[in-house]
């Protein structure tokens, strides 16, 4: 990004365009980092429980038993084919 700023003559339109582009890039990066922190990279399901593990930069493991599930919301549960789905339990929400 720095070479692009150096090569431009400092006109108001070009500077505003670069600033807008930089702000948009920072916003998108923050959004993706926030999503990577809350979404597990590995989900294992068996007959009794859901095990979510390998979160971004964290090796924590969340275990949610099917008997503890209270609510399901988001994604297909609200009529959208895309989006995040949340599984709410008595102790944890994924």
PDB file of N, CA and C in Angstrom:
ATOM      1  N   UNK A   1       0.823  -1.182   0.000  1.00  0.00           N
ATOM      2  CA  UNK A   1       0.000   0.000   0.000  1.00  0.00           C
ATOM      3  C   UNK A   1       0.872   1.252   0.000  1.00  0.00           C
ATOM      4  N   UNK A   2       2.011   1.205   0.677  1.00  0.00           N
ATOM      5  CA  UNK A   2       2.888   2.364   0.753  1.00  0.00           C
ATOM      6  C   UNK A   2       3.421   2.784  -0.610  1.00  0.00           C
ATOM      7  N   UNK A   3       3.855   1.866  -1.485  1.00  0.00           N
ATOM      8  CA  UNK A   3       4.300   2.308  -2.810  1.00  0.00           C
ATOM      9  C   UNK A   3       3.195   2.996  -3.602  1.00  0.00           C
ATOM     10  N   UNK A   4       1.959   2.567  -3.414  1.00  0.00           N
ATOM     11  CA  UNK A   4       0.857   3.218  -4.117  1.00  0.00           C
ATOM     12  C   UNK A   4       0.683   4.649  -3.635  1.00  0.00           C
ATOM     13  N   UNK A   5       0.870   4.880  -2.352  1.00  0.00           N
ATOM     14  CA  UNK A   5       0.736   6.230  -1.813  1.00  0.00           C
ATOM     15  C   UNK A   5       1.881   7.112  -2.290  1.00  0.00           C
ATOM     16  N   UNK A   6       3.085   6.572  -2.338  1.00  0.00           N
ATOM     17  CA  UNK A   6       4.255   7.352  -2.737  1.00  0.00           C
ATOM     18  C   UNK A   6       4.194   7.727  -4.215  1.00  0.00           C
ATOM     19  N   UNK A   7       3.714   6.836  -5.073  1.00  0.00           N
ATOM     20  CA  UNK A   7       3.716   7.122  -6.511  1.00  0.00           C
ATOM     21  C   UNK A   7       2.621   8.087  -6.927  1.00  0.00           C
ATOM     22  N   UNK A   8       1.543   8.193  -6.147  1.00  0.00           N
ATOM     23  CA  UNK A   8       0.478   9.124  -6.507  1.00  0.00           C
ATOM     24  C   UNK A   8       0.881  10.554  -6.188  1.00  0.00           C
ATOM     25  N   UNK A   9       0.455  11.444  -7.059  1.00  0.00           N
ATOM     26  CA  UNK A   9       0.544  12.850  -6.692  1.00  0.00           C
ATOM     27  C   UNK A   9      -0.588  13.090  -5.711  1.00  0.00           C
ATOM     28  N   UNK A  10      -0.341  13.896  -4.746  1.00  0.00           N
ATOM     29  CA  UNK A  10      -1.318  14.063  -3.682  1.00  0.00           C
ATOM     30  C   UNK A  10      -2.457  14.963  -4.128  1.00  0.00           C
ATOM     31  N   UNK A  11      -3.369  14.368  -4.835  1.00  0.00           N
ATOM     32  CA  UNK A  11      -4.597  15.052  -5.197  1.00  0.00           C
ATOM     33  C   UNK A  11      -5.681  14.555  -4.253  1.00  0.00           C
ATOM     34  N   UNK A  12      -6.668  15.359  -4.031  1.00  0.00           N
ATOM     35  CA  UNK A  12      -7.690  15.043  -3.035  1.00  0.00           C
ATOM     36  C   UNK A  12      -8.457  13.774  -3.399  1.00  0.00           C
ATOM     37  N   UNK A  13      -8.830  13.607  -4.640  1.00  0.00           N
ATOM     38  CA  UNK A  13      -9.601  12.433  -5.053  1.00  0.00           C
ATOM     39  C   UNK A  13      -8.832  11.145  -4.875  1.00  0.00           C
ATOM     40  N   UNK A  14      -7.577  11.154  -5.270  1.00  0.00           N
ATOM     41  CA  UNK A  14      -6.769   9.943  -5.150  1.00  0.00           C
ATOM     42  C   UNK A  14      -6.468   9.620  -3.693  1.00  0.00           C
ATOM     43  N   UNK A  15      -6.191  10.630  -2.909  1.00  0.00           N
ATOM     44  CA  UNK A  15      -5.918  10.404  -1.487  1.00  0.00           C
ATOM     45  C   UNK A  15      -7.157   9.879  -0.768  1.00  0.00           C
ATOM     46  N   UNK A  16      -8.311  10.440  -1.097  1.00  0.00           N
ATOM     47  CA  UNK A  16      -9.552   9.978  -0.476  1.00  0.00           C
ATOM     48  C   UNK A  16      -9.848   8.536  -0.873  1.00  0.00           C
ATOM     49  N   UNK A  17      -9.583   8.196  -2.130  1.00  0.00           N
ATOM     50  CA  UNK A  17      -9.795   6.827  -2.599  1.00  0.00           C
ATOM     51  C   UNK A  17      -8.892   5.852  -1.843  1.00  0.00           C
ATOM     52  N   UNK A  18      -7.626   6.194  -1.684  1.00  0.00           N
ATOM     53  CA  UNK A  18      -6.700   5.325  -0.957  1.00  0.00           C
ATOM     54  C   UNK A  18      -7.089   5.184   0.514  1.00  0.00           C
ATOM     55  N   UNK A  19      -7.528   6.270   1.118  1.00  0.00           N
ATOM     56  CA  UNK A  19      -7.946   6.207   2.519  1.00  0.00           C
ATOM     57  C   UNK A  19      -9.194   5.337   2.673  1.00  0.00           C
ATOM     58  N   UNK A  20     -10.149   5.482   1.762  1.00  0.00           N
ATOM     59  CA  UNK A  20     -11.358   4.671   1.810  1.00  0.00           C
ATOM     60  C   UNK A  20     -11.025   3.192   1.615  1.00  0.00           C
ATOM     61  N   UNK A  21     -10.145   2.908   0.685  1.00  0.00           N
ATOM     62  CA  UNK A  21      -9.714   1.535   0.439  1.00  0.00           C
ATOM     63  C   UNK A  21      -9.010   0.951   1.665  1.00  0.00           C
ATOM     64  N   UNK A  22      -8.179   1.740   2.309  1.00  0.00           N
ATOM     65  CA  UNK A  22      -7.472   1.282   3.511  1.00  0.00           C
ATOM     66  C   UNK A  22      -8.439   1.001   4.655  1.00  0.00           C
ATOM     67  N   UNK A  23      -9.408   1.875   4.854  1.00  0.00           N
ATOM     68  CA  UNK A  23     -10.389   1.687   5.926  1.00  0.00           C
ATOM     69  C   UNK A  23     -11.230   0.439   5.667  1.00  0.00           C
ATOM     70  N   UNK A  24     -11.635   0.232   4.430  1.00  0.00           N
ATOM     71  CA  UNK A  24     -12.420  -0.959   4.095  1.00  0.00           C
ATOM     72  C   UNK A  24     -11.613  -2.232   4.324  1.00  0.00           C
ATOM     73  N   UNK A  25     -10.344  -2.219   3.960  1.00  0.00           N
ATOM     74  CA  UNK A  25      -9.481  -3.382   4.147  1.00  0.00           C
ATOM     75  C   UNK A  25      -9.292  -3.702   5.629  1.00  0.00           C
ATOM     76  N   UNK A  26      -9.095  -2.692   6.444  1.00  0.00           N
ATOM     77  CA  UNK A  26      -8.945  -2.890   7.888  1.00  0.00           C
ATOM     78  C   UNK A  26     -10.233  -3.448   8.485  1.00  0.00           C
ATOM     79  N   UNK A  27     -11.386  -2.926   8.067  1.00  0.00           N
ATOM     80  CA  UNK A  27     -12.674  -3.401   8.578  1.00  0.00           C
ATOM     81  C   UNK A  27     -12.898  -4.868   8.226  1.00  0.00           C
ATOM     82  N   UNK A  28     -12.629  -5.240   6.982  1.00  0.00           N
ATOM     83  CA  UNK A  28     -12.827  -6.626   6.549  1.00  0.00           C
ATOM     84  C   UNK A  28     -11.881  -7.558   7.300  1.00  0.00           C
ATOM     85  N   UNK A  29     -10.643  -7.150   7.500  1.00  0.00           N
ATOM     86  CA  UNK A  29      -9.695  -7.985   8.245  1.00  0.00           C
ATOM     87  C   UNK A  29     -10.146  -8.187   9.692  1.00  0.00           C
ATOM     88  N   UNK A  30     -10.654  -7.137  10.334  1.00  0.00           N
ATOM     89  CA  UNK A  30     -11.137  -7.264  11.709  1.00  0.00           C
ATOM     90  C   UNK A  30     -12.334  -8.203  11.779  1.00  0.00           C
ATOM     91  N   UNK A  31     -13.214  -8.118  10.789  1.00  0.00           N
ATOM     92  CA  UNK A  31     -14.382  -8.992  10.760  1.00  0.00           C
ATOM     93  C   UNK A  31     -13.965 -10.454  10.645  1.00  0.00           C
ATOM     94  N   UNK A  32     -13.046 -10.750   9.740  1.00  0.00           N
ATOM     95  CA  UNK A  32     -12.591 -12.129   9.580  1.00  0.00           C
ATOM     96  C   UNK A  32     -11.853 -12.634  10.811  1.00  0.00           C
ATOM     97  N   UNK A  33     -11.029 -11.817  11.433  1.00  0.00           N
ATOM     98  CA  UNK A  33     -10.331 -12.252  12.643  1.00  0.00           C
ATOM     99  C   UNK A  33     -11.310 -12.529  13.778  1.00  0.00           C
ATOM    100  N   UNK A  34     -12.348 -11.708  13.900  1.00  0.00           N
ATOM    101  CA  UNK A  34     -13.355 -11.929  14.932  1.00  0.00           C
ATOM    102  C   UNK A  34     -14.101 -13.242  14.680  1.00  0.00           C
ATOM    103  N   UNK A  35     -14.426 -13.518  13.415  1.00  0.00           N
ATOM    104  CA  UNK A  35     -15.109 -14.770  13.096  1.00  0.00           C
ATOM    105  C   UNK A  35     -14.213 -15.979  13.326  1.00  0.00           C
ATOM    106  N   UNK A  36     -12.940 -15.869  12.970  1.00  0.00           N
ATOM    107  CA  UNK A  36     -12.029 -16.991  13.178  1.00  0.00           C
ATOM    108  C   UNK A  36     -11.847 -17.305  14.654  1.00  0.00           C
ATOM    109  N   UNK A  37     -11.963 -16.299  15.527  1.00  0.00           N
ATOM    110  CA  UNK A  37     -11.808 -16.547  16.959  1.00  0.00           C
ATOM    111  C   UNK A  37     -12.989 -17.310  17.541  1.00  0.00           C
ATOM    112  N   UNK A  38     -14.200 -17.107  17.009  1.00  0.00           N
ATOM    113  CA  UNK A  38     -15.375 -17.752  17.597  1.00  0.00           C
ATOM    114  C   UNK A  38     -15.790 -19.026  16.884  1.00  0.00           C
ATOM    115  N   UNK A  39     -15.292 -19.260  15.670  1.00  0.00           N
ATOM    116  CA  UNK A  39     -15.683 -20.456  14.921  1.00  0.00           C
ATOM    117  C   UNK A  39     -14.648 -21.562  15.087  1.00  0.00           C
ATOM    118  N   UNK A  40     -15.096 -22.767  15.422  1.00  0.00           N
ATOM    119  CA  UNK A  40     -14.149 -23.881  15.527  1.00  0.00           C
ATOM    120  C   UNK A  40     -13.739 -24.376  14.146  1.00  0.00           C
ATOM    121  N   UNK A  41     -12.507 -24.815  14.031  1.00  0.00           N
ATOM    122  CA  UNK A  41     -12.030 -25.349  12.764  1.00  0.00           C
ATOM    123  C   UNK A  41     -12.337 -26.833  12.628  1.00  0.00           C
ATOM    124  N   UNK A  42     -12.645 -27.493  13.738  1.00  0.00           N
ATOM    125  CA  UNK A  42     -12.976 -28.911  13.696  1.00  0.00           C
ATOM    126  C   UNK A  42     -14.196 -29.166  14.574  1.00  0.00           C
ATOM    127  N   UNK A  43     -15.207 -29.822  14.006  1.00  0.00           N
ATOM    128  CA  UNK A  43     -16.416 -30.186  14.737  1.00  0.00           C
ATOM    129  C   UNK A  43     -16.609 -31.688  14.591  1.00  0.00           C
ATOM    130  N   UNK A  44     -16.651 -32.380  15.719  1.00  0.00           N
ATOM    131  CA  UNK A  44     -16.864 -33.832  15.712  1.00  0.00           C
ATOM    132  C   UNK A  44     -18.177 -34.128  16.431  1.00  0.00           C
ATOM    133  N   UNK A  45     -18.996 -34.969  15.821  1.00  0.00           N
ATOM    134  CA  UNK A  45     -20.301 -35.303  16.381  1.00  0.00           C
ATOM    135  C   UNK A  45     -20.400 -36.816  16.507  1.00  0.00           C
ATOM    136  N   UNK A  46     -20.829 -37.272  17.679  1.00  0.00           N
ATOM    137  CA  UNK A  46     -21.111 -38.697  17.838  1.00  0.00           C
ATOM    138  C   UNK A  46     -22.540 -38.848  18.363  1.00  0.00           C
ATOM    139  N   UNK A  47     -22.883 -39.985  18.918  1.00  0.00           N
ATOM    140  CA  UNK A  47     -24.259 -40.249  19.347  1.00  0.00           C
ATOM    141  C   UNK A  47     -24.687 -39.442  20.566  1.00  0.00           C
ATOM    142  N   UNK A  48     -23.754 -38.921  21.342  1.00  0.00           N
ATOM    143  CA  UNK A  48     -24.091 -38.260  22.593  1.00  0.00           C
ATOM    144  C   UNK A  48     -23.757 -36.780  22.646  1.00  0.00           C
ATOM    145  N   UNK A  49     -22.764 -36.347  21.875  1.00  0.00           N
ATOM    146  CA  UNK A  49     -22.269 -34.983  22.076  1.00  0.00           C
ATOM    147  C   UNK A  49     -21.695 -34.385  20.796  1.00  0.00           C
ATOM    148  N   UNK A  50     -21.476 -33.064  20.863  1.00  0.00           N
ATOM    149  CA  UNK A  50     -20.780 -32.305  19.823  1.00  0.00           C
ATOM    150  C   UNK A  50     -19.486 -31.802  20.446  1.00  0.00           C
ATOM    151  N   UNK A  51     -18.366 -32.038  19.789  1.00  0.00           N
ATOM    152  CA  UNK A  51     -17.066 -31.583  20.283  1.00  0.00           C
ATOM    153  C   UNK A  51     -16.508 -30.583  19.279  1.00  0.00           C
ATOM    154  N   UNK A  52     -16.334 -29.344  19.717  1.00  0.00           N
ATOM    155  CA  UNK A  52     -15.759 -28.292  18.875  1.00  0.00           C
ATOM    156  C   UNK A  52     -14.349 -28.007  19.372  1.00  0.00           C
ATOM    157  N   UNK A  53     -13.384 -28.044  18.462  1.00  0.00           N
ATOM    158  CA  UNK A  53     -11.993 -27.849  18.871  1.00  0.00           C
ATOM    159  C   UNK A  53     -11.221 -27.119  17.788  1.00  0.00           C
ATOM    160  N   UNK A  54      -9.962 -26.831  18.102  1.00  0.00           N
ATOM    161  CA  UNK A  54      -9.035 -26.145  17.201  1.00  0.00           C
ATOM    162  C   UNK A  54      -9.572 -24.777  16.771  1.00  0.00           C
ATOM    163  N   UNK A  55      -9.807 -23.914  17.737  1.00  0.00           N
ATOM    164  CA  UNK A  55     -10.166 -22.539  17.438  1.00  0.00           C
ATOM    165  C   UNK A  55      -8.921 -21.796  16.973  1.00  0.00           C
ATOM    166  N   UNK A  56      -9.088 -20.648  16.341  1.00  0.00           N
ATOM    167  CA  UNK A  56      -7.979 -19.872  15.797  1.00  0.00           C
ATOM    168  C   UNK A  56      -7.048 -19.442  16.922  1.00  0.00           C
ATOM    169  N   UNK A  57      -5.772 -19.819  16.831  1.00  0.00           N
ATOM    170  CA  UNK A  57      -4.730 -19.498  17.808  1.00  0.00           C
ATOM    171  C   UNK A  57      -5.083 -19.956  19.224  1.00  0.00           C
ATOM    172  N   UNK A  58      -5.870 -21.019  19.332  1.00  0.00           N
ATOM    173  CA  UNK A  58      -6.282 -21.496  20.638  1.00  0.00           C
ATOM    174  C   UNK A  58      -6.645 -22.974  20.504  1.00  0.00           C
ATOM    175  N   UNK A  59      -6.204 -23.782  21.414  1.00  0.00           N
ATOM    176  CA  UNK A  59      -6.499 -25.213  21.360  1.00  0.00           C
ATOM    177  C   UNK A  59      -7.591 -25.607  22.348  1.00  0.00           C
ATOM    178  N   UNK A  60      -8.504 -24.695  22.647  1.00  0.00           N
ATOM    179  CA  UNK A  60      -9.565 -25.045  23.583  1.00  0.00           C
ATOM    180  C   UNK A  60     -10.546 -26.020  22.928  1.00  0.00           C
ATOM    181  N   UNK A  61     -11.278 -26.705  23.768  1.00  0.00           N
ATOM    182  CA  UNK A  61     -12.235 -27.705  23.298  1.00  0.00           C
ATOM    183  C   UNK A  61     -13.548 -27.485  24.038  1.00  0.00           C
ATOM    184  N   UNK A  62     -14.648 -27.385  23.297  1.00  0.00           N
ATOM    185  CA  UNK A  62     -15.971 -27.218  23.882  1.00  0.00           C
ATOM    186  C   UNK A  62     -16.766 -28.487  23.611  1.00  0.00           C
ATOM    187  N   UNK A  63     -17.326 -29.054  24.670  1.00  0.00           N
ATOM    188  CA  UNK A  63     -18.139 -30.263  24.545  1.00  0.00           C
ATOM    189  C   UNK A  63     -19.571 -29.909  24.923  1.00  0.00           C
ATOM    190  N   UNK A  64     -20.497 -30.193  24.022  1.00  0.00           N
ATOM    191  CA  UNK A  64     -21.913 -29.906  24.247  1.00  0.00           C
ATOM    192  C   UNK A  64     -22.696 -31.203  24.051  1.00  0.00           C
ATOM    193  N   UNK A  65     -23.331 -31.662  25.116  1.00  0.00           N
ATOM    194  CA  UNK A  65     -24.128 -32.888  25.045  1.00  0.00           C
ATOM    195  C   UNK A  65     -25.497 -32.564  24.443  1.00  0.00           C
ATOM    196  N   UNK A  66     -26.044 -33.492  23.690  1.00  0.00           N
ATOM    197  CA  UNK A  66     -27.335 -33.269  23.045  1.00  0.00           C
ATOM    198  C   UNK A  66     -28.443 -33.034  24.060  1.00  0.00           C
ATOM    199  N   UNK A  67     -28.351 -33.635  25.222  1.00  0.00           N
ATOM    200  CA  UNK A  67     -29.376 -33.452  26.252  1.00  0.00           C
ATOM    201  C   UNK A  67     -29.342 -32.048  26.852  1.00  0.00           C
ATOM    202  N   UNK A  68     -28.233 -31.316  26.689  1.00  0.00           N
ATOM    203  CA  UNK A  68     -28.101 -29.965  27.237  1.00  0.00           C
ATOM    204  C   UNK A  68     -28.576 -28.878  26.277  1.00  0.00           C
ATOM    205  N   UNK A  69     -28.887 -29.214  25.029  1.00  0.00           N
ATOM    206  CA  UNK A  69     -29.261 -28.207  24.029  1.00  0.00           C
ATOM    207  C   UNK A  69     -30.645 -27.654  24.350  1.00  0.00           C
ATOM    208  N   UNK A  70     -30.716 -26.319  24.445  1.00  0.00           N
ATOM    209  CA  UNK A  70     -31.965 -25.628  24.746  1.00  0.00           C
ATOM    210  C   UNK A  70     -32.553 -24.999  23.487  1.00  0.00           C
ATOM    211  N   UNK A  71     -31.702 -24.335  22.682  1.00  0.00           N
ATOM    212  CA  UNK A  71     -32.219 -23.641  21.502  1.00  0.00           C
ATOM    213  C   UNK A  71     -31.248 -23.726  20.331  1.00  0.00           C
ATOM    214  N   UNK A  72     -31.810 -23.636  19.139  1.00  0.00           N
ATOM    215  CA  UNK A  72     -31.064 -23.576  17.889  1.00  0.00           C
ATOM    216  C   UNK A  72     -31.525 -22.321  17.171  1.00  0.00           C
ATOM    217  N   UNK A  73     -30.585 -21.464  16.760  1.00  0.00           N
ATOM    218  CA  UNK A  73     -30.997 -20.239  16.070  1.00  0.00           C
ATOM    219  C   UNK A  73     -29.964 -19.846  15.032  1.00  0.00           C
ATOM    220  N   UNK A  74     -30.378 -19.000  14.103  1.00  0.00           N
ATOM    221  CA  UNK A  74     -29.503 -18.533  13.037  1.00  0.00           C
ATOM    222  C   UNK A  74     -29.470 -19.488  11.865  1.00  0.00           C
ATOM    223  N   UNK A  75     -28.960 -19.014  10.734  1.00  0.00           N
ATOM    224  CA  UNK A  75     -28.793 -19.854   9.550  1.00  0.00           C
ATOM    225  C   UNK A  75     -30.089 -20.459   9.059  1.00  0.00           C
ATOM    226  N   UNK A  76     -30.122 -21.764   8.876  1.00  0.00           N
ATOM    227  CA  UNK A  76     -31.310 -22.450   8.363  1.00  0.00           C
ATOM    228  C   UNK A  76     -32.464 -22.426   9.359  1.00  0.00           C
ATOM    229  N   UNK A  77     -32.191 -22.165  10.616  1.00  0.00           N
ATOM    230  CA  UNK A  77     -33.246 -22.155  11.617  1.00  0.00           C
ATOM    231  C   UNK A  77     -34.098 -20.891  11.556  1.00  0.00           C
ATOM    232  N   UNK A  78     -33.636 -19.857  10.855  1.00  0.00           N
ATOM    233  CA  UNK A  78     -34.442 -18.649  10.672  1.00  0.00           C
ATOM    234  C   UNK A  78     -34.825 -18.448   9.211  1.00  0.00           C
ATOM    235  N   UNK A  79     -34.605 -19.469   8.387  1.00  0.00           N
ATOM    236  CA  UNK A  79     -35.038 -19.414   6.997  1.00  0.00           C
ATOM    237  C   UNK A  79     -33.991 -18.964   6.000  1.00  0.00           C
ATOM    238  N   UNK A  80     -32.748 -18.799   6.405  1.00  0.00           N
ATOM    239  CA  UNK A  80     -31.679 -18.413   5.489  1.00  0.00           C
ATOM    240  C   UNK A  80     -30.863 -19.645   5.130  1.00  0.00           C
ATOM    241  N   UNK A  81     -30.405 -19.697   3.885  1.00  0.00           N
ATOM    242  CA  UNK A  81     -29.582 -20.841   3.499  1.00  0.00           C
ATOM    243  C   UNK A  81     -28.122 -20.642   3.890  1.00  0.00           C
ATOM    244  N   UNK A  82     -27.759 -19.424   4.246  1.00  0.00           N
ATOM    245  CA  UNK A  82     -26.388 -19.118   4.651  1.00  0.00           C
ATOM    246  C   UNK A  82     -26.409 -18.465   6.022  1.00  0.00           C
ATOM    247  N   UNK A  83     -25.262 -18.355   6.609  1.00  0.00           N
ATOM    248  CA  UNK A  83     -25.145 -17.644   7.868  1.00  0.00           C
ATOM    249  C   UNK A  83     -24.711 -18.542   9.005  1.00  0.00           C
ATOM    250  N   UNK A  84     -24.364 -17.905  10.100  1.00  0.00           N
ATOM    251  CA  UNK A  84     -23.916 -18.630  11.283  1.00  0.00           C
ATOM    252  C   UNK A  84     -25.106 -19.246  12.006  1.00  0.00           C
ATOM    253  N   UNK A  85     -24.918 -20.439  12.487  1.00  0.00           N
ATOM    254  CA  UNK A  85     -25.929 -21.108  13.292  1.00  0.00           C
ATOM    255  C   UNK A  85     -25.410 -21.189  14.718  1.00  0.00           C
ATOM    256  N   UNK A  86     -26.279 -20.941  15.670  1.00  0.00           N
ATOM    257  CA  UNK A  86     -25.894 -20.997  17.076  1.00  0.00           C
ATOM    258  C   UNK A  86     -26.637 -22.134  17.759  1.00  0.00           C
ATOM    259  N   UNK A  87     -25.904 -22.881  18.549  1.00  0.00           N
ATOM    260  CA  UNK A  87     -26.474 -23.961  19.342  1.00  0.00           C
ATOM    261  C   UNK A  87     -26.343 -23.535  20.792  1.00  0.00           C
ATOM    262  N   UNK A  88     -27.462 -23.344  21.456  1.00  0.00           N
ATOM    263  CA  UNK A  88     -27.452 -22.879  22.834  1.00  0.00           C
ATOM    264  C   UNK A  88     -27.689 -24.009  23.806  1.00  0.00           C
ATOM    265  N   UNK A  89     -26.804 -24.126  24.767  1.00  0.00           N
ATOM    266  CA  UNK A  89     -26.933 -25.145  25.799  1.00  0.00           C
ATOM    267  C   UNK A  89     -27.147 -24.502  27.149  1.00  0.00           C
ATOM    268  N   UNK A  90     -27.271 -25.339  28.173  1.00  0.00           N
ATOM    269  CA  UNK A  90     -27.461 -24.820  29.522  1.00  0.00           C
ATOM    270  C   UNK A  90     -26.224 -24.089  30.018  1.00  0.00           C
ATOM    271  N   UNK A  91     -25.043 -24.582  29.645  1.00  0.00           N
ATOM    272  CA  UNK A  91     -23.796 -23.992  30.127  1.00  0.00           C
ATOM    273  C   UNK A  91     -23.050 -23.210  29.055  1.00  0.00           C
ATOM    274  N   UNK A  92     -23.154 -23.630  27.799  1.00  0.00           N
ATOM    275  CA  UNK A  92     -22.383 -23.014  26.722  1.00  0.00           C
ATOM    276  C   UNK A  92     -23.251 -22.730  25.512  1.00  0.00           C
ATOM    277  N   UNK A  93     -22.786 -21.781  24.714  1.00  0.00           N
ATOM    278  CA  UNK A  93     -23.406 -21.482  23.429  1.00  0.00           C
ATOM    279  C   UNK A  93     -22.314 -21.519  22.378  1.00  0.00           C
ATOM    280  N   UNK A  94     -22.553 -22.265  21.321  1.00  0.00           N
ATOM    281  CA  UNK A  94     -21.579 -22.367  20.230  1.00  0.00           C
ATOM    282  C   UNK A  94     -22.137 -21.609  19.044  1.00  0.00           C
TER     283      UNK A  94
END
